């Protein structure tokens, strides 16, 4: 069963604000012009996450014009650290963290009034049980999209930028916009020792971002063309 491919599934996602942060501009947040495949996967997993399946993004359709907006937000400089295992087991002093003493005001360049259709499929993983099957998961996903259900609140890049999930049946046509999007985050390979980000050469063609199966191949082709 592992590796079996589902039919192509679609949903529409929109919201008043989105920020798909470029990793090279991490301190002052700057969004990519279009939703990244990793953010699209996050939306799908918010609607339906199961250990028995893995989502793969095929295409992202941009339905509204690409417009940026800038504002300043209060953030913190460091993360609150979790207590050590010794403190958890035996008790003792724990480092205190006060956000008010660690605040910083940073600029954010985000997208406004975004609207996308995500096309994707999923494959069965080695964690699928004997009662798991492709048809069951397809029907669950379609039912949840129709009812607007999700396991946790989907968001558009940052958790405070909440997203609305809709069926894609009545979605408008994509915008007539063709541009080179540069090197975009494809997804992150999570490992036990370190996480490895993967990138691809992204291009928007008549409002459609085609997501490759092999991101490194697009980078090699771009380098060869140069």
N, C-alpha and C. Protein backbone atom coordinates (compact mmCIF):
# COMPACT_ATOMS: atom_id res chain seq x y z
N UNK A 1 0.82 -1.21 0.00
CA UNK A 1 0.00 0.00 0.00
C UNK A 1 0.86 1.26 0.00
N UNK A 2 2.04 1.20 0.58
CA UNK A 2 2.90 2.37 0.66
C UNK A 2 3.23 2.89 -0.74
N UNK A 3 3.11 4.21 -0.92
CA UNK A 3 3.43 4.82 -2.20
C UNK A 3 2.25 4.95 -3.13
N UNK A 4 1.08 4.35 -2.80
CA UNK A 4 -0.10 4.47 -3.65
C UNK A 4 -0.50 5.93 -3.76
N UNK A 5 -0.91 6.36 -4.97
CA UNK A 5 -1.20 7.76 -5.22
C UNK A 5 -2.70 7.99 -5.30
N UNK A 6 -3.18 9.01 -4.62
CA UNK A 6 -4.59 9.36 -4.66
C UNK A 6 -4.90 10.12 -5.95
N UNK A 7 -6.19 10.28 -6.29
CA UNK A 7 -6.53 11.21 -7.36
C UNK A 7 -6.20 12.64 -6.93
N UNK A 8 -6.17 13.56 -7.89
CA UNK A 8 -5.90 14.96 -7.59
C UNK A 8 -7.07 15.55 -6.80
N UNK A 9 -6.75 16.23 -5.70
CA UNK A 9 -7.75 16.85 -4.84
C UNK A 9 -7.53 18.35 -4.81
N UNK A 10 -8.63 19.11 -4.60
CA UNK A 10 -8.53 20.57 -4.68
C UNK A 10 -9.27 21.20 -3.51
N UNK A 11 -8.75 22.35 -3.07
CA UNK A 11 -9.48 23.20 -2.14
C UNK A 11 -9.09 24.65 -2.41
N UNK A 12 -9.95 25.55 -1.93
CA UNK A 12 -9.69 26.98 -2.05
C UNK A 12 -9.38 27.54 -0.68
N UNK A 13 -8.39 28.41 -0.59
CA UNK A 13 -8.01 29.02 0.67
C UNK A 13 -7.79 30.51 0.43
N UNK A 14 -8.32 31.32 1.35
CA UNK A 14 -8.19 32.77 1.18
C UNK A 14 -8.11 33.44 2.54
N UNK A 15 -7.68 34.69 2.54
CA UNK A 15 -7.57 35.42 3.79
C UNK A 15 -7.15 36.85 3.54
N UNK A 16 -7.36 37.73 4.53
CA UNK A 16 -7.02 39.15 4.35
C UNK A 16 -5.52 39.43 4.38
N UNK A 17 -4.74 38.57 5.06
CA UNK A 17 -3.29 38.78 5.16
C UNK A 17 -2.57 37.44 5.06
N UNK A 18 -1.36 37.47 4.50
CA UNK A 18 -0.52 36.28 4.42
C UNK A 18 0.93 36.72 4.39
N UNK A 19 1.79 35.89 4.96
CA UNK A 19 3.23 36.17 4.91
C UNK A 19 3.99 34.86 4.83
N UNK A 20 4.48 34.55 3.64
CA UNK A 20 5.28 33.34 3.40
C UNK A 20 6.74 33.79 3.38
N UNK A 21 7.34 33.81 4.55
CA UNK A 21 8.59 34.53 4.77
C UNK A 21 9.76 33.96 3.97
N UNK A 22 10.46 34.85 3.29
CA UNK A 22 11.68 34.46 2.60
C UNK A 22 12.76 34.19 3.64
N UNK A 23 13.45 33.04 3.58
CA UNK A 23 14.42 32.70 4.62
C UNK A 23 15.63 33.62 4.64
N UNK A 24 15.97 34.24 3.52
CA UNK A 24 17.14 35.12 3.51
C UNK A 24 16.84 36.48 4.16
N UNK A 25 15.55 36.77 4.42
CA UNK A 25 15.15 38.03 5.05
C UNK A 25 14.34 37.72 6.30
N UNK A 26 14.98 37.05 7.26
CA UNK A 26 14.25 36.50 8.39
C UNK A 26 14.00 37.52 9.49
N UNK A 27 14.92 38.47 9.70
CA UNK A 27 14.74 39.42 10.78
C UNK A 27 13.61 40.39 10.44
N UNK A 28 13.71 41.04 9.31
CA UNK A 28 12.61 41.87 8.80
C UNK A 28 11.83 40.99 7.83
N UNK A 29 10.64 40.57 8.22
CA UNK A 29 9.90 39.58 7.43
C UNK A 29 9.49 40.15 6.06
N UNK A 30 9.79 39.39 5.01
CA UNK A 30 9.41 39.75 3.65
C UNK A 30 8.79 38.52 3.00
N UNK A 31 7.59 38.64 2.51
CA UNK A 31 6.88 37.49 1.97
C UNK A 31 7.28 37.21 0.53
N UNK A 32 7.28 35.92 0.17
CA UNK A 32 7.28 35.56 -1.25
C UNK A 32 6.01 36.14 -1.89
N UNK A 33 6.01 36.36 -3.20
CA UNK A 33 4.80 36.90 -3.85
C UNK A 33 3.65 35.89 -3.91
N UNK A 34 3.97 34.60 -3.75
CA UNK A 34 2.97 33.54 -3.90
C UNK A 34 3.16 32.54 -2.76
N UNK A 35 2.08 31.91 -2.36
CA UNK A 35 2.14 30.85 -1.35
C UNK A 35 3.17 29.80 -1.72
N UNK A 36 3.96 29.36 -0.75
CA UNK A 36 4.96 28.31 -0.98
C UNK A 36 4.32 26.93 -0.90
N UNK A 37 4.91 25.92 -1.55
CA UNK A 37 4.37 24.56 -1.41
C UNK A 37 4.32 24.06 0.03
N UNK A 38 5.31 24.43 0.85
CA UNK A 38 5.29 23.98 2.25
C UNK A 38 4.12 24.59 3.01
N UNK A 39 3.79 25.86 2.72
CA UNK A 39 2.62 26.48 3.35
C UNK A 39 1.33 25.83 2.87
N UNK A 40 1.28 25.47 1.59
CA UNK A 40 0.10 24.78 1.06
C UNK A 40 -0.08 23.42 1.73
N UNK A 41 1.02 22.71 1.95
CA UNK A 41 0.94 21.43 2.65
C UNK A 41 0.40 21.63 4.06
N UNK A 42 0.85 22.72 4.72
CA UNK A 42 0.36 23.00 6.06
C UNK A 42 -1.15 23.22 6.09
N UNK A 43 -1.69 23.88 5.06
CA UNK A 43 -3.14 24.09 4.98
C UNK A 43 -3.86 22.75 4.83
N UNK A 44 -3.35 21.89 3.96
CA UNK A 44 -3.97 20.58 3.76
C UNK A 44 -3.92 19.74 5.03
N UNK A 45 -2.80 19.78 5.73
CA UNK A 45 -2.69 19.00 6.97
C UNK A 45 -3.59 19.56 8.06
N UNK A 46 -3.89 20.87 8.01
CA UNK A 46 -4.83 21.43 8.96
C UNK A 46 -6.24 20.88 8.72
N UNK A 47 -6.56 20.63 7.45
CA UNK A 47 -7.88 20.06 7.11
C UNK A 47 -7.91 18.57 7.39
N UNK A 48 -6.87 17.84 6.97
CA UNK A 48 -6.84 16.40 7.22
C UNK A 48 -5.40 15.94 7.37
N UNK A 49 -5.04 15.60 8.60
CA UNK A 49 -3.73 15.01 8.86
C UNK A 49 -3.93 13.60 9.39
N UNK A 50 -3.23 12.66 8.78
CA UNK A 50 -3.23 11.28 9.24
C UNK A 50 -1.81 10.74 9.09
N UNK A 51 -1.32 9.96 10.06
CA UNK A 51 0.02 9.37 9.90
C UNK A 51 0.10 8.41 8.73
N UNK A 52 -1.04 7.95 8.24
CA UNK A 52 -1.06 6.98 7.14
C UNK A 52 -0.86 7.61 5.77
N UNK A 53 -0.89 8.97 5.69
CA UNK A 53 -0.78 9.61 4.38
C UNK A 53 0.27 10.71 4.40
N UNK A 54 0.79 11.05 3.22
CA UNK A 54 1.71 12.17 3.05
C UNK A 54 1.22 13.01 1.88
N UNK A 55 1.09 14.32 2.10
CA UNK A 55 0.58 15.22 1.05
C UNK A 55 1.70 15.66 0.11
N UNK A 56 1.34 15.82 -1.18
CA UNK A 56 2.26 16.30 -2.22
C UNK A 56 1.53 17.38 -3.02
N UNK A 57 2.11 18.56 -3.10
CA UNK A 57 1.49 19.68 -3.80
C UNK A 57 1.81 19.59 -5.30
N UNK A 58 0.79 19.74 -6.14
CA UNK A 58 0.96 19.70 -7.59
C UNK A 58 0.96 21.09 -8.22
N UNK A 59 -0.05 21.89 -7.88
CA UNK A 59 -0.17 23.24 -8.46
C UNK A 59 -0.81 24.17 -7.44
N UNK A 60 -0.45 25.45 -7.55
CA UNK A 60 -1.08 26.50 -6.77
C UNK A 60 -1.58 27.56 -7.76
N UNK A 61 -2.89 27.81 -7.73
CA UNK A 61 -3.53 28.79 -8.62
C UNK A 61 -3.72 30.10 -7.85
N UNK A 62 -3.22 31.18 -8.39
CA UNK A 62 -3.35 32.50 -7.75
C UNK A 62 -4.60 33.17 -8.32
N UNK A 63 -5.59 33.42 -7.48
CA UNK A 63 -6.89 33.92 -7.94
C UNK A 63 -7.05 35.42 -7.78
N UNK A 64 -6.24 36.06 -6.95
CA UNK A 64 -6.34 37.52 -6.76
C UNK A 64 -4.99 38.16 -7.07
N UNK A 65 -5.03 39.41 -7.46
CA UNK A 65 -3.81 40.13 -7.82
C UNK A 65 -2.84 40.16 -6.65
N UNK A 66 -1.55 40.12 -6.98
CA UNK A 66 -0.51 40.09 -5.95
C UNK A 66 -0.26 41.51 -5.45
N UNK A 67 -0.64 41.76 -4.20
CA UNK A 67 -0.49 43.08 -3.59
C UNK A 67 0.19 42.94 -2.24
N UNK A 68 1.15 43.81 -1.98
CA UNK A 68 1.87 43.79 -0.71
C UNK A 68 1.38 44.92 0.19
N UNK A 69 1.56 44.71 1.49
CA UNK A 69 1.30 45.74 2.48
C UNK A 69 2.38 45.65 3.55
N UNK A 70 2.74 46.77 4.15
CA UNK A 70 3.81 46.80 5.15
C UNK A 70 3.27 47.32 6.47
N UNK A 71 3.72 46.74 7.56
CA UNK A 71 3.35 47.19 8.90
C UNK A 71 4.41 46.70 9.88
N UNK A 72 4.36 47.23 11.09
CA UNK A 72 5.31 46.84 12.13
C UNK A 72 4.59 46.02 13.18
N UNK A 73 5.31 45.00 13.71
CA UNK A 73 4.74 44.11 14.72
C UNK A 73 5.69 43.98 15.89
N UNK A 74 5.13 43.76 17.06
CA UNK A 74 5.94 43.45 18.24
C UNK A 74 6.25 41.95 18.25
N UNK A 75 7.53 41.62 18.28
CA UNK A 75 7.97 40.24 18.36
C UNK A 75 8.97 40.12 19.50
N UNK A 76 9.44 38.90 19.75
CA UNK A 76 10.46 38.68 20.77
C UNK A 76 11.75 38.22 20.09
N UNK A 77 12.88 38.50 20.74
CA UNK A 77 14.18 38.19 20.16
C UNK A 77 14.56 36.72 20.32
N UNK A 78 14.13 36.10 21.40
CA UNK A 78 14.53 34.72 21.67
C UNK A 78 13.30 33.88 21.98
N UNK A 79 13.47 32.57 21.91
CA UNK A 79 12.41 31.64 22.25
C UNK A 79 12.51 31.25 23.73
N UNK A 80 11.37 31.01 24.33
CA UNK A 80 11.37 30.51 25.70
C UNK A 80 11.86 29.07 25.68
N UNK A 81 12.90 28.78 26.46
CA UNK A 81 13.49 27.44 26.44
C UNK A 81 12.71 26.52 27.36
N UNK A 82 12.61 25.25 26.97
CA UNK A 82 11.95 24.26 27.81
C UNK A 82 12.88 23.85 28.95
N UNK A 83 12.33 23.50 30.11
CA UNK A 83 13.19 23.09 31.23
C UNK A 83 13.95 21.81 30.90
N UNK A 84 15.12 21.64 31.51
CA UNK A 84 15.93 20.45 31.25
C UNK A 84 15.25 19.21 31.83
N UNK A 85 15.69 18.05 31.37
CA UNK A 85 15.13 16.79 31.86
C UNK A 85 15.34 16.64 33.36
N UNK A 86 16.49 17.13 33.86
CA UNK A 86 16.76 17.03 35.29
C UNK A 86 15.76 17.86 36.10
N UNK A 87 15.43 19.05 35.60
CA UNK A 87 14.46 19.90 36.29
C UNK A 87 13.08 19.25 36.28
N UNK A 88 12.72 18.67 35.14
CA UNK A 88 11.41 18.02 35.03
C UNK A 88 11.32 16.83 35.98
N UNK A 89 12.40 16.04 36.06
CA UNK A 89 12.39 14.83 36.89
C UNK A 89 12.52 15.13 38.38
N UNK A 90 13.41 16.06 38.73
CA UNK A 90 13.76 16.25 40.14
C UNK A 90 13.31 17.59 40.71
N UNK A 91 12.76 18.44 39.88
CA UNK A 91 12.41 19.76 40.36
C UNK A 91 13.64 20.65 40.44
N UNK A 92 13.45 21.88 40.86
CA UNK A 92 14.58 22.79 40.98
C UNK A 92 14.31 24.09 40.24
N UNK A 93 15.31 24.93 40.23
CA UNK A 93 15.16 26.25 39.63
C UNK A 93 15.07 26.16 38.11
N UNK A 94 14.23 26.96 37.55
CA UNK A 94 14.06 27.01 36.10
C UNK A 94 14.23 28.45 35.63
N UNK A 95 14.88 28.60 34.49
CA UNK A 95 15.11 29.95 33.97
C UNK A 95 13.78 30.61 33.64
N UNK A 96 13.58 31.80 34.20
CA UNK A 96 12.35 32.55 33.96
C UNK A 96 12.48 33.36 32.67
N UNK A 97 11.37 33.51 32.00
CA UNK A 97 11.36 34.27 30.75
C UNK A 97 10.20 35.26 30.80
N UNK A 98 10.51 36.53 30.55
CA UNK A 98 9.50 37.58 30.53
C UNK A 98 9.53 38.23 29.15
N UNK A 99 8.45 38.04 28.42
CA UNK A 99 8.40 38.55 27.04
C UNK A 99 8.52 40.06 26.99
N UNK A 100 7.98 40.75 28.00
CA UNK A 100 8.03 42.21 27.98
C UNK A 100 9.46 42.75 27.99
N UNK A 101 10.40 41.95 28.52
CA UNK A 101 11.80 42.38 28.57
C UNK A 101 12.59 41.98 27.32
N UNK A 102 11.93 41.30 26.42
CA UNK A 102 12.63 40.76 25.25
C UNK A 102 11.99 41.20 23.94
N UNK A 103 11.17 42.22 23.99
CA UNK A 103 10.43 42.62 22.80
C UNK A 103 11.29 43.40 21.82
N UNK A 104 10.91 43.25 20.54
CA UNK A 104 11.53 44.04 19.48
C UNK A 104 10.45 44.34 18.44
N UNK A 105 10.49 45.53 17.89
CA UNK A 105 9.52 45.89 16.86
C UNK A 105 10.17 45.71 15.50
N UNK A 106 9.54 44.89 14.68
CA UNK A 106 10.12 44.56 13.37
C UNK A 106 9.12 44.86 12.26
N UNK A 107 9.67 45.17 11.10
CA UNK A 107 8.85 45.45 9.93
C UNK A 107 8.45 44.14 9.25
N UNK A 108 7.23 44.11 8.74
CA UNK A 108 6.72 42.96 7.98
C UNK A 108 6.16 43.45 6.66
N UNK A 109 6.60 42.84 5.57
CA UNK A 109 6.03 43.09 4.26
C UNK A 109 5.24 41.84 3.88
N UNK A 110 3.92 41.96 3.96
CA UNK A 110 3.04 40.81 3.78
C UNK A 110 2.19 40.98 2.53
N UNK A 111 1.46 39.93 2.19
CA UNK A 111 0.49 39.97 1.11
C UNK A 111 -0.88 40.29 1.68
N UNK A 112 -1.70 40.98 0.90
CA UNK A 112 -3.06 41.27 1.38
C UNK A 112 -4.10 40.74 0.38
N UNK A 113 -5.23 40.31 0.97
CA UNK A 113 -6.37 39.82 0.18
C UNK A 113 -5.94 38.70 -0.76
N UNK A 114 -5.40 37.63 -0.19
CA UNK A 114 -4.92 36.51 -1.01
C UNK A 114 -6.04 35.50 -1.21
N UNK A 115 -5.95 34.78 -2.31
CA UNK A 115 -6.97 33.80 -2.68
C UNK A 115 -6.28 32.77 -3.58
N UNK A 116 -6.31 31.50 -3.17
CA UNK A 116 -5.61 30.45 -3.92
C UNK A 116 -6.50 29.22 -4.05
N UNK A 117 -6.22 28.45 -5.09
CA UNK A 117 -6.69 27.06 -5.18
C UNK A 117 -5.45 26.17 -5.14
N UNK A 118 -5.49 25.19 -4.25
CA UNK A 118 -4.39 24.24 -4.12
C UNK A 118 -4.81 22.92 -4.73
N UNK A 119 -3.99 22.42 -5.64
CA UNK A 119 -4.17 21.07 -6.21
C UNK A 119 -3.09 20.17 -5.64
N UNK A 120 -3.49 19.02 -5.15
CA UNK A 120 -2.52 18.14 -4.49
C UNK A 120 -3.02 16.70 -4.56
N UNK A 121 -2.14 15.80 -4.17
CA UNK A 121 -2.51 14.39 -3.99
C UNK A 121 -1.78 13.88 -2.76
N UNK A 122 -2.19 12.73 -2.27
CA UNK A 122 -1.45 12.14 -1.16
C UNK A 122 -1.07 10.71 -1.51
N UNK A 123 -0.04 10.23 -0.83
CA UNK A 123 0.38 8.84 -0.97
C UNK A 123 0.28 8.17 0.39
N UNK A 124 0.09 6.86 0.36
CA UNK A 124 0.03 6.10 1.59
C UNK A 124 1.44 5.86 2.10
N UNK A 125 1.61 5.92 3.41
CA UNK A 125 2.92 5.73 4.03
C UNK A 125 3.02 4.35 4.67
N UNK A 126 4.20 4.04 5.21
CA UNK A 126 4.39 2.75 5.87
C UNK A 126 3.71 2.69 7.23
N UNK A 127 3.09 3.80 7.64
CA UNK A 127 2.35 3.81 8.90
C UNK A 127 0.86 3.51 8.70
N UNK A 128 0.47 3.22 7.48
CA UNK A 128 -0.92 2.88 7.22
C UNK A 128 -1.27 1.52 7.82
N UNK A 129 -2.43 1.46 8.46
CA UNK A 129 -2.88 0.22 9.08
C UNK A 129 -3.70 -0.62 8.13
N UNK A 130 -4.12 -1.80 8.55
CA UNK A 130 -4.89 -2.70 7.69
C UNK A 130 -6.25 -2.13 7.29
N UNK A 131 -6.81 -1.22 8.11
CA UNK A 131 -8.11 -0.64 7.79
C UNK A 131 -8.01 0.66 7.01
N UNK A 132 -6.80 1.14 6.78
CA UNK A 132 -6.61 2.37 6.02
C UNK A 132 -6.64 2.07 4.54
N UNK A 133 -7.37 2.90 3.79
CA UNK A 133 -7.39 2.74 2.34
C UNK A 133 -7.59 4.10 1.68
N UNK A 134 -7.23 4.17 0.42
CA UNK A 134 -7.24 5.42 -0.33
C UNK A 134 -8.64 6.03 -0.42
N UNK A 135 -9.63 5.21 -0.74
CA UNK A 135 -11.00 5.72 -0.92
C UNK A 135 -11.52 6.37 0.35
N UNK A 136 -11.26 5.76 1.50
CA UNK A 136 -11.73 6.30 2.76
C UNK A 136 -11.17 7.70 3.01
N UNK A 137 -9.87 7.87 2.78
CA UNK A 137 -9.25 9.16 3.06
C UNK A 137 -9.70 10.22 2.06
N UNK A 138 -9.89 9.84 0.79
CA UNK A 138 -10.40 10.81 -0.19
C UNK A 138 -11.77 11.31 0.22
N UNK A 139 -12.65 10.41 0.64
CA UNK A 139 -14.00 10.80 1.05
C UNK A 139 -13.98 11.65 2.31
N UNK A 140 -13.10 11.33 3.25
CA UNK A 140 -12.98 12.15 4.46
C UNK A 140 -12.55 13.56 4.11
N UNK A 141 -11.54 13.67 3.25
CA UNK A 141 -11.04 14.99 2.86
C UNK A 141 -12.14 15.80 2.18
N UNK A 142 -12.82 15.22 1.21
CA UNK A 142 -13.86 15.94 0.48
C UNK A 142 -14.99 16.37 1.40
N UNK A 143 -15.35 15.53 2.33
CA UNK A 143 -16.41 15.87 3.27
C UNK A 143 -15.99 17.02 4.19
N UNK A 144 -14.76 16.99 4.65
CA UNK A 144 -14.28 18.05 5.54
C UNK A 144 -14.19 19.38 4.81
N UNK A 145 -13.77 19.38 3.56
CA UNK A 145 -13.70 20.62 2.79
C UNK A 145 -15.10 21.19 2.57
N UNK A 146 -16.06 20.34 2.22
CA UNK A 146 -17.43 20.80 1.99
C UNK A 146 -18.03 21.41 3.24
N UNK A 147 -17.70 20.87 4.41
CA UNK A 147 -18.26 21.35 5.66
C UNK A 147 -17.42 22.43 6.33
N UNK A 148 -16.25 22.73 5.75
CA UNK A 148 -15.36 23.72 6.35
C UNK A 148 -14.72 23.27 7.64
N UNK A 149 -14.51 21.95 7.78
CA UNK A 149 -13.94 21.41 9.00
C UNK A 149 -12.41 21.36 8.92
N UNK A 150 -11.76 21.43 10.08
CA UNK A 150 -10.31 21.29 10.12
C UNK A 150 -9.90 20.85 11.51
N UNK A 151 -8.72 20.20 11.61
CA UNK A 151 -8.21 19.71 12.88
C UNK A 151 -7.69 20.87 13.74
N UNK A 152 -7.06 21.83 13.11
CA UNK A 152 -6.63 23.05 13.79
C UNK A 152 -6.78 24.20 12.82
N UNK A 153 -6.77 25.41 13.32
CA UNK A 153 -7.02 26.58 12.49
C UNK A 153 -5.96 26.71 11.39
N UNK A 154 -6.34 26.60 10.12
CA UNK A 154 -5.35 26.82 9.06
C UNK A 154 -4.93 28.29 9.00
N UNK A 155 -3.69 28.51 8.59
CA UNK A 155 -3.19 29.88 8.54
C UNK A 155 -2.31 30.06 7.31
N UNK A 156 -2.01 31.31 7.02
CA UNK A 156 -1.31 31.68 5.79
C UNK A 156 0.08 32.21 6.13
N UNK A 157 0.98 31.29 6.44
CA UNK A 157 2.37 31.65 6.71
C UNK A 157 2.66 31.93 8.16
N UNK A 158 1.87 32.78 8.81
CA UNK A 158 2.00 33.09 10.23
C UNK A 158 0.69 32.73 10.93
N UNK A 159 0.78 32.25 12.15
CA UNK A 159 -0.41 31.75 12.84
C UNK A 159 -1.49 32.80 13.03
N UNK A 160 -1.11 34.07 13.13
CA UNK A 160 -2.12 35.10 13.32
C UNK A 160 -2.85 35.45 12.02
N UNK A 161 -2.35 34.98 10.88
CA UNK A 161 -3.02 35.25 9.60
C UNK A 161 -3.90 34.05 9.25
N UNK A 162 -5.08 34.03 9.83
CA UNK A 162 -5.96 32.86 9.70
C UNK A 162 -6.50 32.76 8.28
N UNK A 163 -6.81 31.53 7.89
CA UNK A 163 -7.27 31.24 6.53
C UNK A 163 -8.68 30.68 6.55
N UNK A 164 -9.41 30.98 5.50
CA UNK A 164 -10.74 30.42 5.29
C UNK A 164 -10.64 29.32 4.24
N UNK A 165 -11.22 28.16 4.54
CA UNK A 165 -11.17 27.01 3.63
C UNK A 165 -12.52 26.88 2.94
N UNK A 166 -12.48 26.72 1.61
CA UNK A 166 -13.70 26.60 0.81
C UNK A 166 -13.51 25.51 -0.24
N UNK A 167 -14.63 24.94 -0.74
CA UNK A 167 -14.51 24.07 -1.92
C UNK A 167 -14.04 24.88 -3.12
N UNK A 168 -13.35 24.24 -4.05
CA UNK A 168 -12.79 24.93 -5.20
C UNK A 168 -13.72 24.94 -6.41
N UNK A 169 -14.93 24.40 -6.26
CA UNK A 169 -15.82 24.23 -7.42
C UNK A 169 -16.15 25.56 -8.09
N UNK A 170 -16.44 26.59 -7.31
CA UNK A 170 -16.87 27.88 -7.87
C UNK A 170 -15.76 28.92 -7.89
N UNK A 171 -14.52 28.49 -7.81
CA UNK A 171 -13.40 29.43 -7.78
C UNK A 171 -13.26 30.14 -9.12
N UNK A 172 -12.88 31.41 -9.11
CA UNK A 172 -12.65 32.13 -10.37
C UNK A 172 -11.38 31.64 -11.07
N UNK A 173 -11.20 32.11 -12.29
CA UNK A 173 -10.00 31.75 -13.04
C UNK A 173 -8.77 32.42 -12.41
N UNK A 174 -7.60 31.81 -12.60
CA UNK A 174 -6.38 32.46 -12.08
C UNK A 174 -6.09 33.76 -12.79
N UNK A 175 -5.29 34.59 -12.16
CA UNK A 175 -4.95 35.89 -12.73
C UNK A 175 -4.04 35.71 -13.94
N UNK A 176 -4.00 36.72 -14.79
CA UNK A 176 -3.13 36.70 -15.97
C UNK A 176 -1.80 37.36 -15.59
N UNK A 177 -0.97 36.60 -14.93
CA UNK A 177 0.30 37.13 -14.43
C UNK A 177 1.37 36.06 -14.63
N UNK A 178 2.41 36.43 -15.34
CA UNK A 178 3.55 35.54 -15.57
C UNK A 178 4.81 36.25 -15.11
N UNK A 179 5.54 35.60 -14.20
CA UNK A 179 6.76 36.22 -13.69
C UNK A 179 7.67 35.14 -13.10
N UNK A 180 8.95 35.44 -13.06
CA UNK A 180 9.93 34.58 -12.40
C UNK A 180 9.88 34.88 -10.91
N UNK A 181 9.67 33.85 -10.10
CA UNK A 181 9.57 34.03 -8.65
C UNK A 181 10.89 33.79 -7.93
N UNK A 182 11.92 33.43 -8.68
CA UNK A 182 13.23 33.20 -8.06
C UNK A 182 13.31 31.85 -7.37
N UNK A 183 14.23 31.75 -6.46
CA UNK A 183 14.43 30.51 -5.70
C UNK A 183 13.46 30.49 -4.51
N UNK A 184 12.57 29.52 -4.51
CA UNK A 184 11.50 29.46 -3.50
C UNK A 184 11.65 28.20 -2.66
N UNK A 185 11.24 28.31 -1.40
CA UNK A 185 11.23 27.14 -0.52
C UNK A 185 10.23 26.12 -1.03
N UNK A 186 10.69 24.90 -1.25
CA UNK A 186 9.84 23.79 -1.70
C UNK A 186 9.22 23.08 -0.50
N UNK A 187 10.04 22.63 0.41
CA UNK A 187 9.58 22.02 1.65
C UNK A 187 10.80 21.74 2.53
N UNK A 188 10.56 21.16 3.67
CA UNK A 188 11.64 20.86 4.62
C UNK A 188 11.65 19.36 4.89
N UNK A 189 12.81 18.74 4.73
CA UNK A 189 12.99 17.34 5.11
C UNK A 189 13.36 17.30 6.59
N UNK A 190 12.46 16.75 7.38
CA UNK A 190 12.67 16.70 8.83
C UNK A 190 13.45 15.45 9.18
N UNK A 191 14.54 15.61 9.93
CA UNK A 191 15.38 14.49 10.34
C UNK A 191 15.58 14.47 11.84
N UNK A 192 16.11 13.39 12.33
CA UNK A 192 16.32 13.26 13.77
C UNK A 192 17.41 14.19 14.28
N UNK A 193 18.42 14.48 13.45
CA UNK A 193 19.53 15.34 13.87
C UNK A 193 19.37 16.78 13.39
N UNK A 194 18.92 16.97 12.17
CA UNK A 194 18.77 18.32 11.63
C UNK A 194 17.70 18.32 10.54
N UNK A 195 17.10 19.48 10.33
CA UNK A 195 16.12 19.66 9.28
C UNK A 195 16.77 20.30 8.06
N UNK A 196 16.43 19.80 6.88
CA UNK A 196 17.07 20.26 5.65
C UNK A 196 16.04 20.96 4.75
N UNK A 197 16.16 22.29 4.59
CA UNK A 197 15.27 22.97 3.66
C UNK A 197 15.64 22.66 2.21
N UNK A 198 14.64 22.55 1.36
CA UNK A 198 14.86 22.29 -0.06
C UNK A 198 14.18 23.39 -0.88
N UNK A 199 14.85 23.81 -1.94
CA UNK A 199 14.39 24.94 -2.73
C UNK A 199 14.22 24.52 -4.19
N UNK A 200 13.48 25.34 -4.94
CA UNK A 200 13.32 25.10 -6.37
C UNK A 200 13.22 26.43 -7.10
N UNK A 201 13.47 26.38 -8.41
CA UNK A 201 13.35 27.57 -9.25
C UNK A 201 11.88 27.74 -9.63
N UNK A 202 11.22 28.73 -9.05
CA UNK A 202 9.77 28.88 -9.19
C UNK A 202 9.43 29.90 -10.27
N UNK A 203 8.36 29.59 -11.00
CA UNK A 203 7.88 30.52 -12.03
C UNK A 203 6.36 30.48 -12.05
N UNK A 204 5.76 31.65 -12.05
CA UNK A 204 4.31 31.78 -12.17
C UNK A 204 3.98 31.97 -13.64
N UNK A 205 3.12 31.11 -14.18
CA UNK A 205 2.74 31.17 -15.59
C UNK A 205 1.23 31.30 -15.69
N UNK A 206 0.78 32.47 -16.14
CA UNK A 206 -0.66 32.75 -16.24
C UNK A 206 -1.37 32.43 -14.93
N UNK A 207 -0.74 32.83 -13.82
CA UNK A 207 -1.36 32.68 -12.52
C UNK A 207 -1.25 31.31 -11.90
N UNK A 208 -0.45 30.42 -12.49
CA UNK A 208 -0.34 29.05 -11.99
C UNK A 208 1.11 28.75 -11.64
N UNK A 209 1.35 28.28 -10.44
CA UNK A 209 2.65 27.82 -10.01
C UNK A 209 2.65 26.30 -10.03
N UNK A 210 3.43 25.72 -10.93
CA UNK A 210 3.56 24.26 -11.01
C UNK A 210 4.67 23.84 -10.07
N UNK A 211 4.36 22.91 -9.18
CA UNK A 211 5.32 22.45 -8.17
C UNK A 211 5.98 21.17 -8.65
N UNK A 212 7.30 21.15 -8.79
CA UNK A 212 7.97 19.96 -9.33
C UNK A 212 8.08 18.85 -8.30
N UNK A 213 8.19 17.62 -8.79
CA UNK A 213 8.47 16.48 -7.90
C UNK A 213 9.92 16.50 -7.43
N UNK A 214 10.81 16.99 -8.29
CA UNK A 214 12.24 17.02 -7.98
C UNK A 214 12.72 18.46 -7.99
N UNK A 215 12.78 19.13 -6.85
CA UNK A 215 13.16 20.55 -6.84
C UNK A 215 14.58 20.78 -7.31
N UNK A 216 15.50 19.86 -6.99
CA UNK A 216 16.90 20.05 -7.38
C UNK A 216 17.06 20.10 -8.90
N UNK A 217 16.19 19.39 -9.62
CA UNK A 217 16.28 19.40 -11.09
C UNK A 217 16.02 20.77 -11.66
N UNK A 218 15.10 21.53 -11.03
CA UNK A 218 14.81 22.87 -11.54
C UNK A 218 15.97 23.82 -11.29
N UNK A 219 16.67 23.62 -10.17
CA UNK A 219 17.83 24.46 -9.88
C UNK A 219 18.97 24.16 -10.84
N UNK A 220 19.15 22.87 -11.17
CA UNK A 220 20.21 22.48 -12.10
C UNK A 220 19.92 23.05 -13.48
N UNK A 221 18.64 23.01 -13.90
CA UNK A 221 18.28 23.54 -15.21
C UNK A 221 18.47 25.05 -15.26
N UNK A 222 18.15 25.73 -14.18
CA UNK A 222 18.32 27.17 -14.13
C UNK A 222 19.79 27.55 -14.18
N UNK A 223 20.60 26.77 -13.45
CA UNK A 223 22.04 27.03 -13.46
C UNK A 223 22.65 26.75 -14.81
N UNK A 224 22.14 25.70 -15.50
CA UNK A 224 22.65 25.36 -16.81
C UNK A 224 22.30 26.41 -17.83
N UNK A 225 21.07 26.98 -17.66
CA UNK A 225 20.63 28.00 -18.61
C UNK A 225 21.43 29.28 -18.46
N UNK A 226 21.85 29.53 -17.21
CA UNK A 226 22.62 30.75 -16.96
C UNK A 226 24.01 30.62 -17.54
